[in-house]
């Protein structure tokens, strides 16, 4: 497997960033849905701080992934994919990118306008994106919350489409984002080489 993307596969860098970002989104979602019900105290403050730090890490990873995609390109659509499916897949990908940027930024904006300090894993403070403002804090909080549910819906739709292609279309949509070789079914669809011509019978196939 190469580091860069090829015409028919995602490279090692894209695959690593893809699955790392997915795991991080899942972790942030689980923590985000449970931490609000915690009782007030040092543990809750610590969990909130970790949620914010991992959210900022997600922002960095998404930026790296987008920059790498611009640099390394992207595989061509799987052969035989209808044009309308290509368009939906492309729109879904860019909507996912937009939301993966919007969620950390809206959380950062809410933190700033609500007047809370923001530290990155306790190492250094980050600047405020805006001055304290109750209306803007409520708006950014709503964007963060509703944006999460929209992101979750798109991630599930994206995964469902990949499994549909894998199970029913029998193509490489899913496997080209996984380490290893192409699926055997796809490889067997390529024409087999002809056997060598026998010197005793040059007309043999």
C-alpha atoms as a PDB file:
ATOM      1  CA  UNK A   1       0.000   0.000   0.000  1.00  0.00           C
ATOM      2  CA  UNK A   2       1.294   3.447  -0.905  1.00  0.00           C
ATOM      3  CA  UNK A   3       1.096   6.548   1.260  1.00  0.00           C
ATOM      4  CA  UNK A   4      -0.596   8.603  -1.451  1.00  0.00           C
ATOM      5  CA  UNK A   5      -3.970   7.891  -2.971  1.00  0.00           C
ATOM      6  CA  UNK A   6      -4.115   6.112  -6.317  1.00  0.00           C
ATOM      7  CA  UNK A   7      -6.729   6.039  -9.050  1.00  0.00           C
ATOM      8  CA  UNK A   8      -8.547   3.090  -7.450  1.00  0.00           C
ATOM      9  CA  UNK A   9      -7.559   3.103  -3.743  1.00  0.00           C
ATOM     10  CA  UNK A  10      -7.144   5.396  -0.782  1.00  0.00           C
ATOM     11  CA  UNK A  11      -3.562   5.452   0.443  1.00  0.00           C
ATOM     12  CA  UNK A  12      -2.263   4.674   3.924  1.00  0.00           C
ATOM     13  CA  UNK A  13      -2.383   8.306   5.115  1.00  0.00           C
ATOM     14  CA  UNK A  14      -6.001   8.817   4.041  1.00  0.00           C
ATOM     15  CA  UNK A  15      -7.047   5.487   5.545  1.00  0.00           C
ATOM     16  CA  UNK A  16      -5.353   6.228   8.867  1.00  0.00           C
ATOM     17  CA  UNK A  17      -6.906   9.685   9.140  1.00  0.00           C
ATOM     18  CA  UNK A  18     -10.325   8.374   8.080  1.00  0.00           C
ATOM     19  CA  UNK A  19     -10.547   5.687  10.771  1.00  0.00           C
ATOM     20  CA  UNK A  20      -8.883   7.806  13.454  1.00  0.00           C
ATOM     21  CA  UNK A  21     -11.385  10.600  12.868  1.00  0.00           C
ATOM     22  CA  UNK A  22     -14.271   8.110  12.939  1.00  0.00           C
ATOM     23  CA  UNK A  23     -13.137   6.689  16.296  1.00  0.00           C
ATOM     24  CA  UNK A  24     -12.688  10.193  17.695  1.00  0.00           C
ATOM     25  CA  UNK A  25     -16.169  11.283  16.561  1.00  0.00           C
ATOM     26  CA  UNK A  26     -17.686   8.191  18.177  1.00  0.00           C
ATOM     27  CA  UNK A  27     -15.860   8.893  21.443  1.00  0.00           C
ATOM     28  CA  UNK A  28     -16.816  12.566  21.445  1.00  0.00           C
ATOM     29  CA  UNK A  29     -20.440  11.654  20.746  1.00  0.00           C
ATOM     30  CA  UNK A  30     -20.643   9.159  23.616  1.00  0.00           C
ATOM     31  CA  UNK A  31     -19.002  11.542  26.072  1.00  0.00           C
ATOM     32  CA  UNK A  32     -21.005  14.522  24.849  1.00  0.00           C
ATOM     33  CA  UNK A  33     -24.309  12.704  25.312  1.00  0.00           C
ATOM     34  CA  UNK A  34     -23.492  11.538  28.831  1.00  0.00           C
ATOM     35  CA  UNK A  35     -21.482  14.339  30.420  1.00  0.00           C
ATOM     36  CA  UNK A  36     -24.417  16.750  30.678  1.00  0.00           C
ATOM     37  CA  UNK A  37     -26.174  14.348  33.067  1.00  0.00           C
ATOM     38  CA  UNK A  38     -23.203  14.155  35.427  1.00  0.00           C
ATOM     39  CA  UNK A  39     -23.496  15.797  38.823  1.00  0.00           C
ATOM     40  CA  UNK A  40     -21.545  19.024  39.246  1.00  0.00           C
ATOM     41  CA  UNK A  41     -18.071  18.579  40.615  1.00  0.00           C
ATOM     42  CA  UNK A  42     -14.385  18.181  39.691  1.00  0.00           C
ATOM     43  CA  UNK A  43     -15.051  15.031  37.632  1.00  0.00           C
ATOM     44  CA  UNK A  44     -17.571  16.806  35.423  1.00  0.00           C
ATOM     45  CA  UNK A  45     -15.226  19.751  34.901  1.00  0.00           C
ATOM     46  CA  UNK A  46     -12.431  17.373  33.927  1.00  0.00           C
ATOM     47  CA  UNK A  47     -14.638  15.472  31.453  1.00  0.00           C
ATOM     48  CA  UNK A  48     -15.788  18.739  29.864  1.00  0.00           C
ATOM     49  CA  UNK A  49     -12.185  19.883  29.533  1.00  0.00           C
ATOM     50  CA  UNK A  50     -11.191  16.602  27.865  1.00  0.00           C
ATOM     51  CA  UNK A  51     -14.190  16.818  25.519  1.00  0.00           C
ATOM     52  CA  UNK A  52     -13.085  20.281  24.435  1.00  0.00           C
ATOM     53  CA  UNK A  53      -9.452  19.223  23.961  1.00  0.00           C
ATOM     54  CA  UNK A  54     -10.377  16.178  21.885  1.00  0.00           C
ATOM     55  CA  UNK A  55     -12.752  18.356  19.870  1.00  0.00           C
ATOM     56  CA  UNK A  56      -9.877  20.682  19.047  1.00  0.00           C
ATOM     57  CA  UNK A  57      -7.778  17.644  18.128  1.00  0.00           C
ATOM     58  CA  UNK A  58     -10.544  16.581  15.753  1.00  0.00           C
ATOM     59  CA  UNK A  59     -10.385  20.022  14.144  1.00  0.00           C
ATOM     60  CA  UNK A  60      -6.648  19.581  13.537  1.00  0.00           C
ATOM     61  CA  UNK A  61      -7.078  16.068  12.112  1.00  0.00           C
ATOM     62  CA  UNK A  62      -9.864  17.141   9.755  1.00  0.00           C
ATOM     63  CA  UNK A  63      -7.703  20.033   8.549  1.00  0.00           C
ATOM     64  CA  UNK A  64      -4.829  17.622   7.895  1.00  0.00           C
ATOM     65  CA  UNK A  65      -7.115  15.188   6.092  1.00  0.00           C
ATOM     66  CA  UNK A  66      -8.552  17.881   3.836  1.00  0.00           C
ATOM     67  CA  UNK A  67      -5.078  19.254   3.086  1.00  0.00           C
ATOM     68  CA  UNK A  68      -3.835  15.735   2.276  1.00  0.00           C
ATOM     69  CA  UNK A  69      -6.793  15.130  -0.015  1.00  0.00           C
ATOM     70  CA  UNK A  70      -6.037  18.333  -1.915  1.00  0.00           C
ATOM     71  CA  UNK A  71      -2.383  17.268  -2.199  1.00  0.00           C
ATOM     72  CA  UNK A  72      -2.830  13.541  -2.892  1.00  0.00           C
ATOM     73  CA  UNK A  73      -6.102  13.648  -4.804  1.00  0.00           C
ATOM     74  CA  UNK A  74      -8.882  11.105  -4.515  1.00  0.00           C
ATOM     75  CA  UNK A  75      -9.607   7.793  -6.239  1.00  0.00           C
ATOM     76  CA  UNK A  76     -11.874   7.776  -9.260  1.00  0.00           C
ATOM     77  CA  UNK A  77     -15.460   6.604  -8.728  1.00  0.00           C
ATOM     78  CA  UNK A  78     -15.846   2.833  -8.790  1.00  0.00           C
ATOM     79  CA  UNK A  79     -16.492   1.624 -12.341  1.00  0.00           C
ATOM     80  CA  UNK A  80     -20.186   1.208 -13.079  1.00  0.00           C
ATOM     81  CA  UNK A  81     -21.398   3.638 -10.410  1.00  0.00           C
ATOM     82  CA  UNK A  82     -24.370   5.663 -11.722  1.00  0.00           C
ATOM     83  CA  UNK A  83     -23.757   9.380 -12.095  1.00  0.00           C
ATOM     84  CA  UNK A  84     -26.474  10.278  -9.584  1.00  0.00           C
ATOM     85  CA  UNK A  85     -24.801   8.099  -6.954  1.00  0.00           C
ATOM     86  CA  UNK A  86     -21.476   9.815  -7.639  1.00  0.00           C
ATOM     87  CA  UNK A  87     -23.111  13.196  -7.123  1.00  0.00           C
ATOM     88  CA  UNK A  88     -24.780  12.158  -3.850  1.00  0.00           C
ATOM     89  CA  UNK A  89     -21.519  10.636  -2.572  1.00  0.00           C
ATOM     90  CA  UNK A  90     -19.591  13.797  -3.435  1.00  0.00           C
ATOM     91  CA  UNK A  91     -22.141  16.071  -1.755  1.00  0.00           C
ATOM     92  CA  UNK A  92     -22.200  13.822   1.314  1.00  0.00           C
ATOM     93  CA  UNK A  93     -18.393  13.894   1.590  1.00  0.00           C
ATOM     94  CA  UNK A  94     -18.229  17.687   1.452  1.00  0.00           C
ATOM     95  CA  UNK A  95     -21.150  18.016   3.887  1.00  0.00           C
ATOM     96  CA  UNK A  96     -19.258  15.749   6.292  1.00  0.00           C
ATOM     97  CA  UNK A  97     -16.165  17.927   5.973  1.00  0.00           C
ATOM     98  CA  UNK A  98     -18.230  21.068   6.600  1.00  0.00           C
ATOM     99  CA  UNK A  99     -19.825  19.610   9.722  1.00  0.00           C
ATOM    100  CA  UNK A 100     -16.536  18.234  11.051  1.00  0.00           C
ATOM    101  CA  UNK A 101     -15.215  21.794  10.900  1.00  0.00           C
ATOM    102  CA  UNK A 102     -18.423  23.389  12.171  1.00  0.00           C
ATOM    103  CA  UNK A 103     -18.817  21.310  15.324  1.00  0.00           C
ATOM    104  CA  UNK A 104     -15.426  22.053  16.933  1.00  0.00           C
ATOM    105  CA  UNK A 105     -15.619  25.704  15.861  1.00  0.00           C
ATOM    106  CA  UNK A 106     -19.161  26.144  17.211  1.00  0.00           C
ATOM    107  CA  UNK A 107     -18.073  24.516  20.478  1.00  0.00           C
ATOM    108  CA  UNK A 108     -15.082  26.864  20.647  1.00  0.00           C
ATOM    109  CA  UNK A 109     -17.365  29.838  19.925  1.00  0.00           C
ATOM    110  CA  UNK A 110     -19.824  28.769  22.610  1.00  0.00           C
ATOM    111  CA  UNK A 111     -17.007  28.365  25.102  1.00  0.00           C
ATOM    112  CA  UNK A 112     -15.757  31.869  24.274  1.00  0.00           C
ATOM    113  CA  UNK A 113     -19.097  33.689  24.313  1.00  0.00           C
ATOM    114  CA  UNK A 114     -20.190  31.881  27.497  1.00  0.00           C
ATOM    115  CA  UNK A 115     -17.097  33.185  29.273  1.00  0.00           C
ATOM    116  CA  UNK A 116     -15.382  29.848  29.940  1.00  0.00           C
ATOM    117  CA  UNK A 117     -11.596  29.405  29.727  1.00  0.00           C
ATOM    118  CA  UNK A 118     -10.289  27.009  27.085  1.00  0.00           C
ATOM    119  CA  UNK A 119      -7.132  24.983  27.613  1.00  0.00           C
ATOM    120  CA  UNK A 120      -5.669  22.310  25.377  1.00  0.00           C
ATOM    121  CA  UNK A 121      -5.096  19.295  27.642  1.00  0.00           C
ATOM    122  CA  UNK A 122      -3.943  21.730  30.329  1.00  0.00           C
ATOM    123  CA  UNK A 123      -0.886  22.679  28.270  1.00  0.00           C
ATOM    124  CA  UNK A 124      -1.800  26.171  27.074  1.00  0.00           C
ATOM    125  CA  UNK A 125      -4.752  28.528  26.772  1.00  0.00           C
ATOM    126  CA  UNK A 126      -6.478  29.182  23.469  1.00  0.00           C
ATOM    127  CA  UNK A 127      -7.725  32.645  22.487  1.00  0.00           C
ATOM    128  CA  UNK A 128     -11.394  33.540  22.566  1.00  0.00           C
ATOM    129  CA  UNK A 129     -13.172  33.660  19.219  1.00  0.00           C
ATOM    130  CA  UNK A 130     -15.543  36.385  20.438  1.00  0.00           C
ATOM    131  CA  UNK A 131     -16.392  38.434  23.507  1.00  0.00           C
ATOM    132  CA  UNK A 132     -18.946  37.230  26.042  1.00  0.00           C
ATOM    133  CA  UNK A 133     -22.422  37.376  24.536  1.00  0.00           C
ATOM    134  CA  UNK A 134     -25.449  35.439  25.794  1.00  0.00           C
ATOM    135  CA  UNK A 135     -27.341  35.475  22.484  1.00  0.00           C
ATOM    136  CA  UNK A 136     -24.322  34.331  20.484  1.00  0.00           C
ATOM    137  CA  UNK A 137     -23.574  31.712  23.127  1.00  0.00           C
ATOM    138  CA  UNK A 138     -27.080  30.272  22.775  1.00  0.00           C
ATOM    139  CA  UNK A 139     -26.852  30.335  18.977  1.00  0.00           C
ATOM    140  CA  UNK A 140     -23.484  28.585  18.897  1.00  0.00           C
ATOM    141  CA  UNK A 141     -24.710  26.036  21.430  1.00  0.00           C
ATOM    142  CA  UNK A 142     -27.718  25.239  19.237  1.00  0.00           C
ATOM    143  CA  UNK A 143     -25.486  24.930  16.183  1.00  0.00           C
ATOM    144  CA  UNK A 144     -23.226  22.567  18.094  1.00  0.00           C
ATOM    145  CA  UNK A 145     -26.107  20.410  19.280  1.00  0.00           C
ATOM    146  CA  UNK A 146     -28.151  20.233  16.075  1.00  0.00           C
ATOM    147  CA  UNK A 147     -25.020  19.982  13.962  1.00  0.00           C
ATOM    148  CA  UNK A 148     -24.065  16.863  15.908  1.00  0.00           C
ATOM    149  CA  UNK A 149     -27.348  15.127  15.055  1.00  0.00           C
ATOM    150  CA  UNK A 150     -26.967  16.079  11.401  1.00  0.00           C
ATOM    151  CA  UNK A 151     -23.397  14.766  11.400  1.00  0.00           C
ATOM    152  CA  UNK A 152     -24.568  11.526  13.000  1.00  0.00           C
ATOM    153  CA  UNK A 153     -27.257  11.094  10.331  1.00  0.00           C
ATOM    154  CA  UNK A 154     -24.760  11.676   7.513  1.00  0.00           C
ATOM    155  CA  UNK A 155     -22.192   9.302   9.031  1.00  0.00           C
ATOM    156  CA  UNK A 156     -24.812   6.560   9.296  1.00  0.00           C
ATOM    157  CA  UNK A 157     -25.991   7.202   5.726  1.00  0.00           C
ATOM    158  CA  UNK A 158     -22.380   7.169   4.514  1.00  0.00           C
ATOM    159  CA  UNK A 159     -21.711   3.855   6.270  1.00  0.00           C
ATOM    160  CA  UNK A 160     -24.971   2.328   5.013  1.00  0.00           C
ATOM    161  CA  UNK A 161     -24.100   3.267   1.425  1.00  0.00           C
ATOM    162  CA  UNK A 162     -20.638   1.710   1.768  1.00  0.00           C
ATOM    163  CA  UNK A 163     -22.076  -1.558   3.114  1.00  0.00           C
ATOM    164  CA  UNK A 164     -24.760  -1.562   0.405  1.00  0.00           C
ATOM    165  CA  UNK A 165     -22.060  -1.364  -2.269  1.00  0.00           C
ATOM    166  CA  UNK A 166     -20.042  -4.048  -0.500  1.00  0.00           C
ATOM    167  CA  UNK A 167     -22.874  -6.534   0.075  1.00  0.00           C
ATOM    168  CA  UNK A 168     -25.190  -5.969  -2.892  1.00  0.00           C
ATOM    169  CA  UNK A 169     -23.158  -4.212  -5.584  1.00  0.00           C
ATOM    170  CA  UNK A 170     -20.087  -6.369  -4.840  1.00  0.00           C
ATOM    171  CA  UNK A 171     -17.671  -3.543  -5.653  1.00  0.00           C
ATOM    172  CA  UNK A 172     -14.636  -1.927  -3.993  1.00  0.00           C
ATOM    173  CA  UNK A 173     -16.326   1.129  -2.461  1.00  0.00           C
ATOM    174  CA  UNK A 174     -15.697  -0.124   1.089  1.00  0.00           C
ATOM    175  CA  UNK A 175     -12.578  -2.244   0.653  1.00  0.00           C
ATOM    176  CA  UNK A 176     -10.522   0.506  -0.957  1.00  0.00           C
ATOM    177  CA  UNK A 177     -10.677   2.336   2.383  1.00  0.00           C
ATOM    178  CA  UNK A 178      -9.343  -0.778   4.147  1.00  0.00           C
ATOM    179  CA  UNK A 179      -5.747  -2.043   4.339  1.00  0.00           C
ATOM    180  CA  UNK A 180      -4.852  -4.919   2.033  1.00  0.00           C
ATOM    181  CA  UNK A 181      -5.515  -5.834  -1.517  1.00  0.00           C
ATOM    182  CA  UNK A 182      -8.593  -5.411  -3.637  1.00  0.00           C
ATOM    183  CA  UNK A 183     -11.441  -7.854  -3.277  1.00  0.00           C
ATOM    184  CA  UNK A 184     -11.044 -11.165  -5.035  1.00  0.00           C
ATOM    185  CA  UNK A 185     -14.321 -10.649  -6.869  1.00  0.00           C
ATOM    186  CA  UNK A 186     -13.079  -7.416  -8.378  1.00  0.00           C
ATOM    187  CA  UNK A 187      -9.761  -8.948  -9.317  1.00  0.00           C
ATOM    188  CA  UNK A 188     -11.432 -11.913 -11.000  1.00  0.00           C
ATOM    189  CA  UNK A 189     -13.428  -9.569 -13.214  1.00  0.00           C
ATOM    190  CA  UNK A 190     -10.234  -8.647 -15.051  1.00  0.00           C
ATOM    191  CA  UNK A 191      -9.590 -10.643 -18.259  1.00  0.00           C
ATOM    192  CA  UNK A 192      -7.281 -13.615 -17.776  1.00  0.00           C
ATOM    193  CA  UNK A 193      -4.127 -13.822 -19.863  1.00  0.00           C
ATOM    194  CA  UNK A 194      -4.140 -16.273 -22.766  1.00  0.00           C
ATOM    195  CA  UNK A 195      -2.003 -19.418 -22.507  1.00  0.00           C
ATOM    196  CA  UNK A 196       1.206 -19.473 -24.544  1.00  0.00           C
ATOM    197  CA  UNK A 197       1.026 -20.810 -28.083  1.00  0.00           C
ATOM    198  CA  UNK A 198       2.269 -24.378 -28.371  1.00  0.00           C
ATOM    199  CA  UNK A 199       5.216 -24.754 -30.809  1.00  0.00           C
ATOM    200  CA  UNK A 200       3.749 -28.103 -31.986  1.00  0.00           C
ATOM    201  CA  UNK A 201       0.442 -26.502 -32.830  1.00  0.00           C
ATOM    202  CA  UNK A 202       0.800 -22.777 -33.548  1.00  0.00           C
ATOM    203  CA  UNK A 203      -2.927 -22.484 -34.251  1.00  0.00           C
ATOM    204  CA  UNK A 204      -3.854 -23.620 -30.732  1.00  0.00           C
ATOM    205  CA  UNK A 205      -5.614 -20.925 -28.609  1.00  0.00           C
END
